Amino acid sequence: MPGRVVVDESTSTIMRLSAQIGSRFGVVVSQKVSAQVVPVRGAMGGAAVDAVFIYHFQTLALGNFTIRRLERTCVQEIVQHAYNLIRESFRR
């Protein structure tokens, strides 16, 4: 069975070669994936910051337009006085 031994030896050589290629290719692929993930993480961070700013400014706009509506429907001086009282209570 000398032919069988040659096949086994060549198989082990092919397996070693493919293992070496696979390990080297795996490093290249993992480096590529790592490099591609960096912009995605940056985009996700930017989207999170945008969401916080949008929420903040929408809240401010809601407060602003609520006060403007109250000034139109009620006596403006009363609304301004109540607003100033609330603003002073937050400054303390």
N, C-alpha and C. Protein backbone atom coordinates (compact mmCIF):
# COMPACT_ATOMS: atom_id res chain seq x y z
N MET A 1 0.80 -1.20 0.00
CA MET A 1 0.00 0.00 0.00
C MET A 1 0.84 1.26 0.00
N PRO A 2 1.86 1.31 -0.78
CA PRO A 2 2.66 2.52 -0.83
C PRO A 2 1.87 3.69 -1.40
N GLY A 3 0.94 3.44 -2.31
CA GLY A 3 0.13 4.53 -2.88
C GLY A 3 -0.71 5.22 -1.82
N ARG A 4 -1.21 4.44 -0.90
CA ARG A 4 -2.05 4.98 0.17
C ARG A 4 -1.24 5.91 1.07
N VAL A 5 -0.01 5.57 1.34
CA VAL A 5 0.85 6.40 2.18
C VAL A 5 1.12 7.73 1.50
N VAL A 6 1.33 7.72 0.21
CA VAL A 6 1.56 8.96 -0.54
C VAL A 6 0.33 9.86 -0.47
N VAL A 7 -0.85 9.27 -0.60
CA VAL A 7 -2.09 10.05 -0.51
C VAL A 7 -2.23 10.65 0.87
N ASP A 8 -1.95 9.87 1.92
CA ASP A 8 -2.06 10.39 3.29
C ASP A 8 -1.05 11.51 3.53
N GLU A 9 0.17 11.34 3.03
CA GLU A 9 1.17 12.39 3.21
C GLU A 9 0.80 13.65 2.43
N SER A 10 0.29 13.47 1.22
CA SER A 10 -0.10 14.64 0.44
C SER A 10 -1.32 15.32 1.05
N THR A 11 -2.22 14.52 1.62
CA THR A 11 -3.39 15.08 2.29
C THR A 11 -2.97 15.91 3.48
N SER A 12 -2.04 15.40 4.27
CA SER A 12 -1.60 16.16 5.43
C SER A 12 -0.87 17.44 4.98
N THR A 13 -0.14 17.38 3.89
CA THR A 13 0.52 18.57 3.37
C THR A 13 -0.52 19.58 2.89
N ILE A 14 -1.52 19.09 2.18
CA ILE A 14 -2.59 19.99 1.70
C ILE A 14 -3.34 20.58 2.89
N MET A 15 -3.59 19.77 3.91
CA MET A 15 -4.31 20.27 5.09
C MET A 15 -3.48 21.33 5.81
N ARG A 16 -2.16 21.07 5.93
CA ARG A 16 -1.31 22.07 6.58
C ARG A 16 -1.27 23.36 5.77
N LEU A 17 -1.17 23.22 4.46
CA LEU A 17 -1.14 24.39 3.60
C LEU A 17 -2.46 25.17 3.70
N SER A 18 -3.56 24.47 3.66
CA SER A 18 -4.86 25.15 3.75
C SER A 18 -5.07 25.77 5.13
N ALA A 19 -4.54 25.12 6.16
CA ALA A 19 -4.64 25.69 7.51
C ALA A 19 -3.82 26.98 7.60
N GLN A 20 -2.64 26.98 7.01
CA GLN A 20 -1.82 28.19 7.03
C GLN A 20 -2.47 29.31 6.23
N ILE A 21 -3.00 28.96 5.07
CA ILE A 21 -3.68 29.97 4.25
C ILE A 21 -4.91 30.48 4.99
N GLY A 22 -5.65 29.56 5.60
CA GLY A 22 -6.86 29.96 6.33
C GLY A 22 -6.54 30.86 7.51
N SER A 23 -5.47 30.53 8.24
CA SER A 23 -5.13 31.38 9.39
C SER A 23 -4.68 32.75 8.93
N ARG A 24 -3.92 32.81 7.87
CA ARG A 24 -3.47 34.10 7.35
C ARG A 24 -4.64 34.89 6.76
N PHE A 25 -5.50 34.20 6.03
CA PHE A 25 -6.68 34.84 5.45
C PHE A 25 -7.61 35.32 6.55
N GLY A 26 -7.73 34.55 7.64
CA GLY A 26 -8.59 34.94 8.75
C GLY A 26 -8.14 36.24 9.38
N VAL A 27 -6.82 36.44 9.51
CA VAL A 27 -6.30 37.68 10.07
C VAL A 27 -6.63 38.85 9.15
N VAL A 28 -6.46 38.63 7.85
CA VAL A 28 -6.76 39.70 6.89
C VAL A 28 -8.24 40.05 6.94
N VAL A 29 -9.08 39.04 6.99
CA VAL A 29 -10.53 39.28 7.04
C VAL A 29 -10.91 39.99 8.33
N SER A 30 -10.34 39.56 9.46
CA SER A 30 -10.68 40.21 10.72
C SER A 30 -10.20 41.65 10.74
N GLN A 31 -9.04 41.92 10.15
CA GLN A 31 -8.57 43.30 10.06
C GLN A 31 -9.48 44.13 9.17
N LYS A 32 -9.94 43.53 8.08
CA LYS A 32 -10.83 44.25 7.17
C LYS A 32 -12.15 44.55 7.86
N VAL A 33 -12.68 43.58 8.56
CA VAL A 33 -13.95 43.79 9.27
C VAL A 33 -13.78 44.85 10.34
N SER A 34 -12.66 44.81 11.06
CA SER A 34 -12.40 45.83 12.09
C SER A 34 -12.33 47.21 11.47
N ALA A 35 -11.67 47.31 10.33
CA ALA A 35 -11.56 48.61 9.66
C ALA A 35 -12.91 49.09 9.16
N GLN A 36 -13.77 48.17 8.74
CA GLN A 36 -15.08 48.57 8.23
C GLN A 36 -16.05 48.91 9.35
N VAL A 37 -15.79 48.40 10.55
CA VAL A 37 -16.68 48.65 11.68
C VAL A 37 -16.48 50.06 12.23
N VAL A 38 -15.29 50.62 12.09
CA VAL A 38 -14.99 51.93 12.66
C VAL A 38 -15.95 53.00 12.13
N PRO A 39 -16.17 53.14 10.84
CA PRO A 39 -17.13 54.16 10.38
C PRO A 39 -18.56 53.88 10.84
N VAL A 40 -18.91 52.61 10.96
CA VAL A 40 -20.26 52.27 11.41
C VAL A 40 -20.44 52.70 12.86
N ARG A 41 -19.42 52.45 13.68
CA ARG A 41 -19.50 52.90 15.08
C ARG A 41 -19.58 54.42 15.15
N GLY A 42 -18.81 55.10 14.33
CA GLY A 42 -18.88 56.57 14.30
C GLY A 42 -20.25 57.07 13.89
N ALA A 43 -20.83 56.41 12.91
CA ALA A 43 -22.17 56.80 12.46
C ALA A 43 -23.20 56.57 13.55
N MET A 44 -23.06 55.46 14.26
CA MET A 44 -24.00 55.17 15.35
C MET A 44 -23.84 56.19 16.48
N GLY A 45 -22.61 56.56 16.79
CA GLY A 45 -22.39 57.58 17.81
C GLY A 45 -22.96 58.92 17.38
N GLY A 46 -22.73 59.28 16.12
CA GLY A 46 -23.29 60.53 15.60
C GLY A 46 -24.80 60.53 15.62
N ALA A 47 -25.41 59.40 15.29
CA ALA A 47 -26.87 59.31 15.31
C ALA A 47 -27.39 59.45 16.74
N ALA A 48 -26.67 58.89 17.70
CA ALA A 48 -27.09 59.01 19.10
C ALA A 48 -27.03 60.46 19.57
N VAL A 49 -25.95 61.15 19.21
CA VAL A 49 -25.83 62.57 19.58
C VAL A 49 -26.92 63.39 18.90
N ASP A 50 -27.19 63.11 17.63
CA ASP A 50 -28.26 63.80 16.92
C ASP A 50 -29.61 63.59 17.60
N ALA A 51 -29.87 62.36 18.03
CA ALA A 51 -31.14 62.05 18.68
C ALA A 51 -31.28 62.84 19.98
N VAL A 52 -30.20 62.96 20.74
CA VAL A 52 -30.24 63.73 22.00
C VAL A 52 -30.51 65.20 21.70
N PHE A 53 -29.83 65.76 20.72
CA PHE A 53 -30.06 67.16 20.37
C PHE A 53 -31.47 67.39 19.86
N ILE A 54 -31.96 66.49 19.03
CA ILE A 54 -33.32 66.63 18.50
C ILE A 54 -34.32 66.62 19.65
N TYR A 55 -34.17 65.68 20.58
CA TYR A 55 -35.09 65.62 21.73
C TYR A 55 -35.02 66.91 22.53
N HIS A 56 -33.80 67.39 22.79
CA HIS A 56 -33.63 68.60 23.60
C HIS A 56 -34.30 69.80 22.94
N PHE A 57 -34.03 70.01 21.66
CA PHE A 57 -34.57 71.19 21.00
C PHE A 57 -36.07 71.08 20.73
N GLN A 58 -36.58 69.87 20.56
CA GLN A 58 -38.03 69.71 20.44
C GLN A 58 -38.71 70.05 21.76
N THR A 59 -38.08 69.67 22.87
CA THR A 59 -38.63 70.01 24.18
C THR A 59 -38.63 71.52 24.39
N LEU A 60 -37.54 72.17 24.01
CA LEU A 60 -37.48 73.63 24.12
C LEU A 60 -38.54 74.29 23.23
N ALA A 61 -38.69 73.79 22.02
CA ALA A 61 -39.69 74.36 21.11
C ALA A 61 -41.10 74.18 21.66
N LEU A 62 -41.37 73.01 22.24
CA LEU A 62 -42.69 72.79 22.82
C LEU A 62 -42.97 73.79 23.93
N GLY A 63 -41.99 74.01 24.81
CA GLY A 63 -42.16 75.00 25.87
C GLY A 63 -42.35 76.39 25.32
N ASN A 64 -41.57 76.76 24.32
CA ASN A 64 -41.66 78.09 23.73
C ASN A 64 -43.03 78.32 23.11
N PHE A 65 -43.49 77.37 22.32
CA PHE A 65 -44.77 77.56 21.63
C PHE A 65 -45.95 77.46 22.60
N THR A 66 -45.79 76.72 23.69
CA THR A 66 -46.84 76.68 24.72
C THR A 66 -46.97 78.06 25.36
N ILE A 67 -45.85 78.68 25.67
CA ILE A 67 -45.90 80.02 26.28
C ILE A 67 -46.47 81.03 25.29
N ARG A 68 -46.08 80.96 24.04
CA ARG A 68 -46.63 81.89 23.04
C ARG A 68 -48.14 81.71 22.89
N ARG A 69 -48.60 80.46 22.92
CA ARG A 69 -50.05 80.21 22.81
C ARG A 69 -50.77 80.77 24.03
N LEU A 70 -50.18 80.57 25.22
CA LEU A 70 -50.79 81.13 26.43
C LEU A 70 -50.84 82.65 26.36
N GLU A 71 -49.79 83.27 25.84
CA GLU A 71 -49.79 84.73 25.72
C GLU A 71 -50.86 85.21 24.76
N ARG A 72 -51.15 84.44 23.73
CA ARG A 72 -52.20 84.84 22.78
C ARG A 72 -53.60 84.65 23.37
N THR A 73 -53.78 83.58 24.16
CA THR A 73 -55.13 83.29 24.66
C THR A 73 -55.42 83.93 26.01
N CYS A 74 -54.40 84.24 26.79
CA CYS A 74 -54.60 84.84 28.11
C CYS A 74 -54.00 86.25 28.12
N VAL A 75 -54.07 86.88 29.25
CA VAL A 75 -53.47 88.21 29.40
C VAL A 75 -51.95 88.04 29.42
N GLN A 76 -51.27 88.76 28.54
CA GLN A 76 -49.84 88.56 28.35
C GLN A 76 -49.05 88.85 29.63
N GLU A 77 -49.43 89.87 30.37
CA GLU A 77 -48.69 90.24 31.58
C GLU A 77 -48.76 89.14 32.64
N ILE A 78 -49.91 88.48 32.75
CA ILE A 78 -50.06 87.40 33.73
C ILE A 78 -49.16 86.22 33.35
N VAL A 79 -49.13 85.89 32.08
CA VAL A 79 -48.30 84.78 31.62
C VAL A 79 -46.82 85.11 31.83
N GLN A 80 -46.40 86.33 31.52
CA GLN A 80 -45.01 86.71 31.71
C GLN A 80 -44.63 86.69 33.19
N HIS A 81 -45.53 87.12 34.05
CA HIS A 81 -45.26 87.11 35.49
C HIS A 81 -45.11 85.66 35.98
N ALA A 82 -46.00 84.78 35.56
CA ALA A 82 -45.91 83.37 35.96
C ALA A 82 -44.63 82.73 35.42
N TYR A 83 -44.27 83.07 34.20
CA TYR A 83 -43.04 82.54 33.61
C TYR A 83 -41.82 83.02 34.40
N ASN A 84 -41.79 84.29 34.77
CA ASN A 84 -40.66 84.83 35.53
C ASN A 84 -40.56 84.18 36.90
N LEU A 85 -41.70 83.90 37.55
CA LEU A 85 -41.69 83.21 38.84
C LEU A 85 -41.10 81.80 38.70
N ILE A 86 -41.51 81.10 37.67
CA ILE A 86 -41.00 79.75 37.45
C ILE A 86 -39.50 79.80 37.13
N ARG A 87 -39.10 80.75 36.30
CA ARG A 87 -37.69 80.86 35.92
C ARG A 87 -36.83 81.17 37.15
N GLU A 88 -37.31 82.05 38.02
CA GLU A 88 -36.55 82.40 39.23
C GLU A 88 -36.46 81.20 40.19
N SER A 89 -37.49 80.38 40.24
CA SER A 89 -37.46 79.22 41.14
C SER A 89 -36.40 78.21 40.68
N PHE A 90 -36.14 78.13 39.37
CA PHE A 90 -35.12 77.22 38.89
C PHE A 90 -33.71 77.76 39.06
N ARG A 91 -33.57 79.07 39.18
CA ARG A 91 -32.24 79.67 39.35
C ARG A 91 -31.72 79.53 40.77
N ARG A 92 -32.58 79.27 41.71
CA ARG A 92 -32.15 79.19 43.11
C ARG A 92 -31.47 77.92 43.39
